[in-house]
C-alpha atoms as a PDB file:
ATOM      1  CA  MET A   1     -95.895 114.200 174.364  1.00  0.00           C
ATOM      2  CA  ALA A   2     -97.399 110.707 174.501  1.00  0.00           C
ATOM      3  CA  ARG A   3    -101.104 110.156 175.074  1.00  0.00           C
ATOM      4  CA  PHE A   4    -102.685 106.843 176.033  1.00  0.00           C
ATOM      5  CA  GLU A   5    -106.397 106.145 176.430  1.00  0.00           C
ATOM      6  CA  HIS A   6    -108.344 103.078 177.490  1.00  0.00           C
ATOM      7  CA  THR A   7    -111.995 102.508 178.450  1.00  0.00           C
ATOM      8  CA  VAL A   8    -113.260  99.702 180.659  1.00  0.00           C
ATOM      9  CA  THR A   9    -116.693  98.558 181.810  1.00  0.00           C
ATOM     10  CA  VAL A  10    -117.103  98.101 185.557  1.00  0.00           C
ATOM     11  CA  ALA A  11    -119.931  97.311 187.937  1.00  0.00           C
ATOM     12  CA  ALA A  12    -121.626 100.345 189.457  1.00  0.00           C
ATOM     13  CA  LEU A  13    -121.311 101.345 193.098  1.00  0.00           C
ATOM     14  CA  ASP A  14    -124.578 102.437 194.679  1.00  0.00           C
ATOM     15  CA  ARG A  15    -124.206 106.077 195.669  1.00  0.00           C
ATOM     16  CA  HIS A  16    -126.641 105.915 198.596  1.00  0.00           C
ATOM     17  CA  TRP A  17    -124.860 102.879 200.051  1.00  0.00           C
ATOM     18  CA  PHE A  18    -121.475 104.570 199.649  1.00  0.00           C
ATOM     19  CA  GLU A  19    -122.570 107.759 201.380  1.00  0.00           C
ATOM     20  CA  GLU A  20    -124.342 105.855 204.144  1.00  0.00           C
ATOM     21  CA  ALA A  21    -121.251 103.728 204.798  1.00  0.00           C
ATOM     22  CA  ALA A  22    -119.019 106.825 204.853  1.00  0.00           C
ATOM     23  CA  GLY A  23    -121.365 108.497 207.337  1.00  0.00           C
ATOM     24  CA  HIS A  24    -121.345 105.489 209.669  1.00  0.00           C
ATOM     25  CA  ALA A  25    -117.535 105.242 209.564  1.00  0.00           C
ATOM     26  CA  VAL A  26    -117.078 108.934 210.354  1.00  0.00           C
ATOM     27  CA  ASP A  27    -119.635 108.801 213.159  1.00  0.00           C
ATOM     28  CA  LEU A  28    -117.901 105.791 214.723  1.00  0.00           C
ATOM     29  CA  PHE A  29    -114.544 107.579 214.754  1.00  0.00           C
ATOM     30  CA  ASP A  30    -116.121 110.810 215.982  1.00  0.00           C
ATOM     31  CA  ALA A  31    -117.703 108.978 218.918  1.00  0.00           C
ATOM     32  CA  SER A  32    -114.537 107.009 219.753  1.00  0.00           C
ATOM     33  CA  ARG A  33    -112.350 107.710 222.771  1.00  0.00           C
ATOM     34  CA  GLU A  34    -108.778 107.075 223.833  1.00  0.00           C
ATOM     35  CA  GLN A  35    -107.752 104.898 226.763  1.00  0.00           C
ATOM     36  CA  ASP A  36    -104.089 104.187 227.507  1.00  0.00           C
ATOM     37  CA  GLY A  37    -103.295 104.764 223.838  1.00  0.00           C
ATOM     38  CA  ALA A  38    -105.969 102.414 222.522  1.00  0.00           C
ATOM     39  CA  ILE A  39    -108.777 103.913 220.438  1.00  0.00           C
ATOM     40  CA  LEU A  40    -112.113 102.553 221.634  1.00  0.00           C
ATOM     41  CA  LEU A  41    -115.369 102.547 219.703  1.00  0.00           C
ATOM     42  CA  PRO A  42    -118.570 103.596 221.527  1.00  0.00           C
ATOM     43  CA  ASP A  43    -119.189  99.948 222.496  1.00  0.00           C
ATOM     44  CA  GLY A  44    -115.762  99.755 224.167  1.00  0.00           C
ATOM     45  CA  ARG A  45    -113.988  97.618 221.567  1.00  0.00           C
ATOM     46  CA  PRO A  46    -110.524  98.821 220.459  1.00  0.00           C
ATOM     47  CA  ILE A  47    -109.858  99.623 216.808  1.00  0.00           C
ATOM     48  CA  HIS A  48    -107.352  97.050 215.606  1.00  0.00           C
ATOM     49  CA  GLY A  49    -103.899  98.347 214.689  1.00  0.00           C
ATOM     50  CA  LEU A  50    -104.532 101.968 215.658  1.00  0.00           C
ATOM     51  CA  ARG A  51    -103.092 103.675 218.712  1.00  0.00           C
ATOM     52  CA  LEU A  52    -102.564 107.247 219.816  1.00  0.00           C
ATOM     53  CA  LEU A  53     -98.822 107.916 219.932  1.00  0.00           C
ATOM     54  CA  LYS A  54     -98.751 111.598 220.749  1.00  0.00           C
ATOM     55  CA  GLY A  55    -101.165 114.473 221.347  1.00  0.00           C
ATOM     56  CA  ARG A  56    -104.879 114.359 222.089  1.00  0.00           C
ATOM     57  CA  HIS A  57    -107.332 112.107 220.346  1.00  0.00           C
ATOM     58  CA  LEU A  58    -109.132 113.744 217.398  1.00  0.00           C
ATOM     59  CA  GLN A  59    -107.279 117.008 217.979  1.00  0.00           C
ATOM     60  CA  SER A  60    -105.098 118.660 215.359  1.00  0.00           C
ATOM     61  CA  GLY A  61    -101.517 117.432 215.712  1.00  0.00           C
ATOM     62  CA  ALA A  62    -102.366 114.006 217.164  1.00  0.00           C
ATOM     63  CA  TRP A  63    -100.096 111.181 215.966  1.00  0.00           C
ATOM     64  CA  TYR A  64    -101.421 107.660 215.348  1.00  0.00           C
ATOM     65  CA  GLY A  65     -99.710 104.396 214.537  1.00  0.00           C
ATOM     66  CA  GLU A  66     -99.331 100.768 215.514  1.00  0.00           C
ATOM     67  CA  ASN A  67     -96.433 101.129 217.973  1.00  0.00           C
ATOM     68  CA  PRO A  68     -97.668 101.745 221.546  1.00  0.00           C
ATOM     69  CA  GLU A  69     -94.320 103.109 222.751  1.00  0.00           C
ATOM     70  CA  GLU A  70     -93.876 106.851 223.215  1.00  0.00           C
ATOM     71  CA  LYS A  71     -90.953 109.022 224.143  1.00  0.00           C
ATOM     72  CA  ASP A  72     -91.923 110.934 227.269  1.00  0.00           C
ATOM     73  CA  GLY A  73     -91.323 114.636 227.432  1.00  0.00           C
ATOM     74  CA  GLU A  74     -91.217 115.321 223.682  1.00  0.00           C
ATOM     75  CA  ASP A  75     -92.689 118.506 222.291  1.00  0.00           C
ATOM     76  CA  GLY A  76     -96.279 118.060 221.275  1.00  0.00           C
ATOM     77  CA  GLU A  77     -97.439 116.123 224.322  1.00  0.00           C
ATOM     78  CA  ASP A  78    -100.518 118.334 224.329  1.00  0.00           C
ATOM     79  CA  GLY A  79    -100.785 118.308 220.537  1.00  0.00           C
ATOM     80  CA  LYS A  80     -98.574 121.395 220.038  1.00  0.00           C
ATOM     81  CA  GLY A  81     -95.545 120.889 217.872  1.00  0.00           C
ATOM     82  CA  ALA A  82     -96.555 117.328 216.949  1.00  0.00           C
ATOM     83  CA  SER A  83     -96.573 118.254 213.270  1.00  0.00           C
ATOM     84  CA  GLU A  84     -92.848 118.996 213.343  1.00  0.00           C
ATOM     85  CA  ALA A  85     -91.570 115.447 213.844  1.00  0.00           C
ATOM     86  CA  ALA A  86     -93.069 112.006 214.176  1.00  0.00           C
ATOM     87  CA  PRO A  87     -92.481 109.995 217.364  1.00  0.00           C
ATOM     88  CA  LYS A  88     -89.127 108.264 217.033  1.00  0.00           C
ATOM     89  CA  ALA A  89     -90.630 104.908 218.013  1.00  0.00           C
ATOM     90  CA  ALA A  90     -93.034 105.023 215.077  1.00  0.00           C
ATOM     91  CA  PRO A  91     -91.307 105.209 211.648  1.00  0.00           C
ATOM     92  CA  GLU A  92     -94.717 104.698 210.059  1.00  0.00           C
ATOM     93  CA  ALA A  93     -97.248 107.050 211.566  1.00  0.00           C
ATOM     94  CA  ALA A  94     -99.999 109.461 210.635  1.00  0.00           C
ATOM     95  CA  VAL A  95    -100.714 112.919 211.971  1.00  0.00           C
ATOM     96  CA  LEU A  96    -104.212 114.310 212.102  1.00  0.00           C
ATOM     97  CA  ARG A  97    -104.170 117.751 210.530  1.00  0.00           C
ATOM     98  CA  GLU A  98    -107.871 118.497 210.796  1.00  0.00           C
ATOM     99  CA  TRP A  99    -110.948 116.784 212.199  1.00  0.00           C
ATOM    100  CA  ARG A 100    -114.202 118.551 211.438  1.00  0.00           C
ATOM    101  CA  PRO A 101    -116.583 115.745 210.358  1.00  0.00           C
ATOM    102  CA  SER A 102    -119.179 118.139 208.979  1.00  0.00           C
ATOM    103  CA  ARG A 103    -116.604 119.982 206.846  1.00  0.00           C
ATOM    104  CA  THR A 104    -113.117 118.520 206.428  1.00  0.00           C
ATOM    105  CA  VAL A 105    -110.934 115.646 207.580  1.00  0.00           C
ATOM    106  CA  GLU A 106    -107.234 115.764 206.736  1.00  0.00           C
ATOM    107  CA  VAL A 107    -104.530 113.224 207.566  1.00  0.00           C
ATOM    108  CA  GLU A 108    -100.842 113.152 206.693  1.00  0.00           C
ATOM    109  CA  SER A 109     -98.799 109.961 206.777  1.00  0.00           C
ATOM    110  CA  ARG A 110     -95.025 109.612 206.726  1.00  0.00           C
ATOM    111  CA  VAL A 111     -93.308 106.392 205.710  1.00  0.00           C
ATOM    112  CA  ALA A 112     -89.640 105.444 205.306  1.00  0.00           C
ATOM    113  CA  GLU A 113     -89.207 102.523 202.938  1.00  0.00           C
ATOM    114  CA  GLU A 114     -86.196 101.179 201.021  1.00  0.00           C
ATOM    115  CA  GLY A 115     -84.226 104.378 201.417  1.00  0.00           C
ATOM    116  CA  MET A 116     -87.131 106.572 200.354  1.00  0.00           C
ATOM    117  CA  SER A 117     -88.937 109.033 202.593  1.00  0.00           C
ATOM    118  CA  LEU A 118     -92.596 109.369 201.622  1.00  0.00           C
ATOM    119  CA  ARG A 119     -95.222 111.836 202.760  1.00  0.00           C
ATOM    120  CA  VAL A 120     -98.828 111.111 201.862  1.00  0.00           C
ATOM    121  CA  GLY A 121    -101.632 113.566 202.516  1.00  0.00           C
ATOM    122  CA  VAL A 122    -105.358 112.810 202.326  1.00  0.00           C
ATOM    123  CA  ARG A 123    -108.044 115.483 202.535  1.00  0.00           C
ATOM    124  CA  LEU A 124    -111.751 114.648 202.439  1.00  0.00           C
ATOM    125  CA  ARG A 125    -114.368 117.373 202.130  1.00  0.00           C
ATOM    126  CA  GLU A 126    -117.761 116.892 203.811  1.00  0.00           C
ATOM    127  CA  PRO A 127    -116.788 113.359 204.874  1.00  0.00           C
ATOM    128  CA  ARG A 128    -120.221 112.259 206.082  1.00  0.00           C
ATOM    129  CA  THR A 129    -121.458 112.577 202.475  1.00  0.00           C
ATOM    130  CA  PRO A 130    -118.116 112.865 200.659  1.00  0.00           C
ATOM    131  CA  LYS A 131    -117.956 115.679 198.130  1.00  0.00           C
ATOM    132  CA  ALA A 132    -114.270 115.755 197.196  1.00  0.00           C
ATOM    133  CA  LEU A 133    -111.098 113.800 197.862  1.00  0.00           C
ATOM    134  CA  GLU A 134    -107.534 115.050 197.474  1.00  0.00           C
ATOM    135  CA  VAL A 135    -104.446 112.861 197.784  1.00  0.00           C
ATOM    136  CA  SER A 136    -100.886 114.170 197.624  1.00  0.00           C
ATOM    137  CA  LEU A 137     -97.607 112.259 197.518  1.00  0.00           C
ATOM    138  CA  ASP A 138     -94.100 113.646 197.950  1.00  0.00           C
ATOM    139  CA  GLY A 139     -91.049 111.440 198.006  1.00  0.00           C
ATOM    140  CA  HIS A 140     -87.292 111.802 198.153  1.00  0.00           C
ATOM    141  CA  ASN A 141     -84.154 109.928 199.068  1.00  0.00           C
ATOM    142  CA  PRO A 142     -82.350 111.839 201.830  1.00  0.00           C
ATOM    143  CA  GLN A 143     -79.027 110.569 200.427  1.00  0.00           C
ATOM    144  CA  GLY A 144     -79.812 111.488 196.811  1.00  0.00           C
ATOM    145  CA  GLY A 145     -80.199 114.613 194.723  1.00  0.00           C
ATOM    146  CA  SER A 146     -82.994 116.015 192.586  1.00  0.00           C
ATOM    147  CA  LEU A 147     -83.269 112.785 190.561  1.00  0.00           C
ATOM    148  CA  TYR A 148     -84.568 111.134 193.715  1.00  0.00           C
ATOM    149  CA  ARG A 149     -87.423 113.583 194.242  1.00  0.00           C
ATOM    150  CA  PHE A 150     -90.942 113.290 192.883  1.00  0.00           C
ATOM    151  CA  SER A 151     -94.439 114.458 193.679  1.00  0.00           C
ATOM    152  CA  GLY A 152     -97.983 113.607 192.719  1.00  0.00           C
ATOM    153  CA  ARG A 153    -101.494 114.942 193.259  1.00  0.00           C
ATOM    154  CA  VAL A 154    -104.924 113.418 192.690  1.00  0.00           C
ATOM    155  CA  LYS A 155    -108.153 115.384 192.985  1.00  0.00           C
ATOM    156  CA  ALA A 156    -111.492 113.591 192.810  1.00  0.00           C
ATOM    157  CA  ASP A 157    -114.610 115.734 192.601  1.00  0.00           C
ATOM    158  CA  LEU A 158    -117.130 113.190 193.855  1.00  0.00           C
ATOM    159  CA  HIS A 159    -120.065 115.523 193.262  1.00  0.00           C
ATOM    160  CA  ALA A 160    -119.047 115.819 189.591  1.00  0.00           C
ATOM    161  CA  TRP A 161    -118.491 112.036 189.430  1.00  0.00           C
ATOM    162  CA  TRP A 162    -122.051 111.239 190.463  1.00  0.00           C
ATOM    163  CA  ALA A 163    -123.388 114.016 188.219  1.00  0.00           C
ATOM    164  CA  ALA A 164    -121.600 112.467 185.226  1.00  0.00           C
ATOM    165  CA  LEU A 165    -123.297 109.150 185.972  1.00  0.00           C
ATOM    166  CA  GLU A 166    -126.738 110.741 186.132  1.00  0.00           C
ATOM    167  CA  ARG A 167    -126.527 111.791 182.489  1.00  0.00           C
ATOM    168  CA  PRO A 168    -128.421 109.692 179.898  1.00  0.00           C
ATOM    169  CA  PRO A 169    -126.306 106.845 178.471  1.00  0.00           C
ATOM    170  CA  SER A 170    -126.655 108.398 175.014  1.00  0.00           C
ATOM    171  CA  ALA A 171    -125.292 111.768 176.171  1.00  0.00           C
ATOM    172  CA  PRO A 172    -121.645 112.678 175.467  1.00  0.00           C
ATOM    173  CA  PRO A 173    -119.150 112.254 178.327  1.00  0.00           C
ATOM    174  CA  ALA A 174    -118.769 115.059 180.844  1.00  0.00           C
ATOM    175  CA  ALA A 175    -116.627 117.875 179.477  1.00  0.00           C
ATOM    176  CA  ARG A 176    -114.533 118.029 182.662  1.00  0.00           C
ATOM    177  CA  ALA A 177    -113.001 114.888 184.113  1.00  0.00           C
ATOM    178  CA  PRO A 178    -114.101 114.351 187.758  1.00  0.00           C
ATOM    179  CA  VAL A 179    -110.756 112.739 188.618  1.00  0.00           C
ATOM    180  CA  VAL A 180    -107.469 114.414 187.684  1.00  0.00           C
ATOM    181  CA  GLY A 181    -104.008 113.288 188.717  1.00  0.00           C
ATOM    182  CA  THR A 182    -100.621 114.857 188.067  1.00  0.00           C
ATOM    183  CA  ALA A 183     -97.085 113.646 188.700  1.00  0.00           C
ATOM    184  CA  LYS A 184     -93.829 115.580 188.467  1.00  0.00           C
ATOM    185  CA  HIS A 185     -90.187 114.565 188.321  1.00  0.00           C
ATOM    186  CA  ARG A 186     -87.075 116.294 187.091  1.00  0.00           C
ATOM    187  CA  LEU A 187     -87.137 114.154 183.946  1.00  0.00           C
ATOM    188  CA  GLY A 188     -90.805 114.474 183.086  1.00  0.00           C
ATOM    189  CA  LYS A 189     -94.380 114.997 184.114  1.00  0.00           C
ATOM    190  CA  ALA A 190     -97.652 113.153 183.608  1.00  0.00           C
ATOM    191  CA  ARG A 191    -101.369 113.894 183.753  1.00  0.00           C
ATOM    192  CA  LEU A 192    -104.104 111.301 184.305  1.00  0.00           C
ATOM    193  CA  THR A 193    -107.849 111.827 183.946  1.00  0.00           C
ATOM    194  CA  VAL A 194    -110.721 109.459 184.756  1.00  0.00           C
ATOM    195  CA  THR A 195    -114.199 110.091 183.342  1.00  0.00           C
ATOM    196  CA  PRO A 196    -117.239 107.832 183.909  1.00  0.00           C
ATOM    197  CA  ARG A 197    -120.459 107.543 181.964  1.00  0.00           C
ATOM    198  CA  PRO A 198    -123.453 105.246 182.472  1.00  0.00           C
ATOM    199  CA  ALA A 199    -124.074 102.263 180.208  1.00  0.00           C
ATOM    200  CA  GLU A 200    -127.485 101.031 179.102  1.00  0.00           C
ATOM    201  CA  ASP A 201    -127.267  97.945 181.364  1.00  0.00           C
ATOM    202  CA  GLY A 202    -126.532  99.946 184.525  1.00  0.00           C
ATOM    203  CA  THR A 203    -122.764  99.414 184.522  1.00  0.00           C
ATOM    204  CA  TRP A 204    -120.193 102.194 184.220  1.00  0.00           C
ATOM    205  CA  ARG A 205    -117.997 102.949 181.234  1.00  0.00           C
ATOM    206  CA  VAL A 206    -114.831 104.506 182.624  1.00  0.00           C
ATOM    207  CA  SER A 207    -112.344 106.240 180.315  1.00  0.00           C
ATOM    208  CA  VAL A 208    -108.776 106.711 181.531  1.00  0.00           C
ATOM    209  CA  VAL A 209    -106.405 109.058 179.701  1.00  0.00           C
ATOM    210  CA  LEU A 210    -102.683 109.370 180.461  1.00  0.00           C
ATOM    211  CA  SER A 211    -100.470 112.103 178.998  1.00  0.00           C
ATOM    212  CA  VAL A 212     -96.688 111.982 179.509  1.00  0.00           C
ATOM    213  CA  ARG A 213     -93.989 114.413 178.422  1.00  0.00           C
ATOM    214  CA  GLY A 214     -90.328 115.095 179.099  1.00  0.00           C
ATOM    215  CA  ARG A 215     -89.301 118.316 180.798  1.00  0.00           C
ATOM    216  CA  TRP A 216     -87.062 121.064 179.457  1.00  0.00           C
ATOM    217  CA  LEU A 217     -84.143 119.792 177.320  1.00  0.00           C
ATOM    218  CA  LEU A 218     -85.251 116.203 177.721  1.00  0.00           C
ATOM    219  CA  ARG A 219     -88.328 116.631 175.524  1.00  0.00           C
ATOM    220  CA  PRO A 220     -86.541 115.743 172.243  1.00  0.00           C
ATOM    221  CA  VAL A 221     -84.889 112.744 173.905  1.00  0.00           C
ATOM    222  CA  ALA A 222     -88.241 111.560 175.274  1.00  0.00           C
ATOM    223  CA  ALA A 223     -89.851 111.958 171.856  1.00  0.00           C
ATOM    224  CA  VAL A 224     -87.215 109.753 170.238  1.00  0.00           C
ATOM    225  CA  GLY A 225     -87.528 107.184 172.998  1.00  0.00           C
ATOM    226  CA  LEU A 226     -91.275 106.931 172.458  1.00  0.00           C
ATOM    227  CA  LEU A 227     -90.712 105.927 168.818  1.00  0.00           C
ATOM    228  CA  PHE A 228     -89.294 102.662 170.136  1.00  0.00           C
ATOM    229  CA  ALA A 229     -91.188 102.248 173.400  1.00  0.00           C
ATOM    230  CA  ARG A 230     -94.688 103.451 172.521  1.00  0.00           C
ATOM    231  CA  ARG A 231     -96.219 100.029 171.853  1.00  0.00           C
ATOM    232  CA  PRO A 232     -94.945  98.341 175.033  1.00  0.00           C
ATOM    233  CA  ALA A 233     -95.839 101.463 177.034  1.00  0.00           C
ATOM    234  CA  GLU A 234     -99.360 101.491 175.610  1.00  0.00           C
ATOM    235  CA  ARG A 235     -99.748  97.775 176.294  1.00  0.00           C
ATOM    236  CA  GLY A 236     -98.573  98.260 179.881  1.00  0.00           C
ATOM    237  CA  PHE A 237    -101.005 101.132 180.340  1.00  0.00           C
ATOM    238  CA  ARG A 238    -103.962  99.096 179.059  1.00  0.00           C
ATOM    239  CA  GLU A 239    -103.009  96.134 181.243  1.00  0.00           C
ATOM    240  CA  GLY A 240    -102.754  98.428 184.264  1.00  0.00           C
ATOM    241  CA  VAL A 241    -106.235  99.857 183.677  1.00  0.00           C
ATOM    242  CA  ASP A 242    -107.680  96.375 183.131  1.00  0.00           C
ATOM    243  CA  SER A 243    -106.047  95.176 186.352  1.00  0.00           C
ATOM    244  CA  ALA A 244    -107.540  98.107 188.264  1.00  0.00           C
ATOM    245  CA  ALA A 245    -110.979  97.214 186.866  1.00  0.00           C
ATOM    246  CA  GLU A 246    -110.562  93.626 188.074  1.00  0.00           C
ATOM    247  CA  GLU A 247    -109.579  94.800 191.552  1.00  0.00           C
ATOM    248  CA  TRP A 248    -112.641  97.077 191.583  1.00  0.00           C
ATOM    249  CA  ALA A 249    -114.871  94.089 190.800  1.00  0.00           C
ATOM    250  CA  GLU A 250    -113.284  92.084 193.622  1.00  0.00           C
ATOM    251  CA  LEU A 251    -113.794  94.981 196.041  1.00  0.00           C
ATOM    252  CA  LEU A 252    -117.479  95.368 195.164  1.00  0.00           C
ATOM    253  CA  ALA A 253    -118.013  91.635 195.571  1.00  0.00           C
ATOM    254  CA  GLU A 254    -116.742  91.859 199.165  1.00  0.00           C
ATOM    255  CA  LEU A 255    -118.896  94.807 200.206  1.00  0.00           C
ATOM    256  CA  PRO A 256    -121.873  93.932 202.429  1.00  0.00           C
ATOM    257  CA  SER A 257    -125.342  94.647 201.036  1.00  0.00           C
ATOM    258  CA  LEU A 258    -126.570  96.057 204.353  1.00  0.00           C
ATOM    259  CA  HIS A 259    -128.138  99.311 205.463  1.00  0.00           C
ATOM    260  CA  GLY A 260    -128.956 101.164 208.667  1.00  0.00           C
ATOM    261  CA  GLU A 261    -127.789  99.746 211.978  1.00  0.00           C
ATOM    262  CA  ALA A 262    -126.778  96.465 210.343  1.00  0.00           C
ATOM    263  CA  LEU A 263    -124.295  98.305 208.128  1.00  0.00           C
ATOM    264  CA  ARG A 264    -123.004 100.354 211.064  1.00  0.00           C
ATOM    265  CA  ALA A 265    -122.437  97.147 213.058  1.00  0.00           C
ATOM    266  CA  GLU A 266    -120.650  95.533 210.113  1.00  0.00           C
ATOM    267  CA  ILE A 267    -118.285  98.506 209.817  1.00  0.00           C
ATOM    268  CA  ALA A 268    -117.606  98.422 213.554  1.00  0.00           C
ATOM    269  CA  ASP A 269    -116.777  94.702 213.316  1.00  0.00           C
ATOM    270  CA  ALA A 270    -114.382  95.362 210.410  1.00  0.00           C
ATOM    271  CA  LEU A 271    -112.589  98.103 212.367  1.00  0.00           C
ATOM    272  CA  THR A 272    -112.053  95.890 215.401  1.00  0.00           C
ATOM    273  CA  ALA A 273    -111.243  92.593 213.673  1.00  0.00           C
ATOM    274  CA  PRO A 274    -107.588  91.472 213.943  1.00  0.00           C
END
């Protein structure tokens, strides 16, 4: 097994702003309506790039995408059976599995790209003040065998994340990582953990740990390979974490420092902008 670890310092995201923004976004979608396929916000403006392709808006089984064309008469016109197959006119589409803004929102997206068929699932618990996020990824090549199949899962306990950041800077890191990701393939599997802690200056110190191992009879082969590839692999891992930290800084720099109705209006503008 190979284990890589790297810690970066990043700017902090204000929890109250984050939860307020999430609440406004959920409320805007919850109050939206469908008209001729377009999804309209309460003020009548259409959400850019989002259309209802099949089913009923905000009902389980509804399909969304960018292509306005539908195939009349398919199963699932009323939302039933829509989870079985995506509309043929929309190779990239998302199906709404669950919409309960006070409890759970779940969406599944299917994408065909470069011979690979990908299914991505996102589940958010208590979305108005997000408590947990789960993301799943399953991929395969319909023309290939088991070597062309892989899966991954990421679970982020947002309640535990904020709790870890409320500890004194001098306290040891949280014993349980708030973010855990796993990936599986026939040749190997990997586990990623992300653990934050506050710094004295108000920034976050984020530790990322990656563990990789071969599966079954490939373990000895993987161990030998790591003797030669460990240094470049470790360098690539560190560069990847540093790059993610830079992208985080760019994202925070673009976020508006607004609250209340001003923030709600800003989110509405972002949703409708081409």
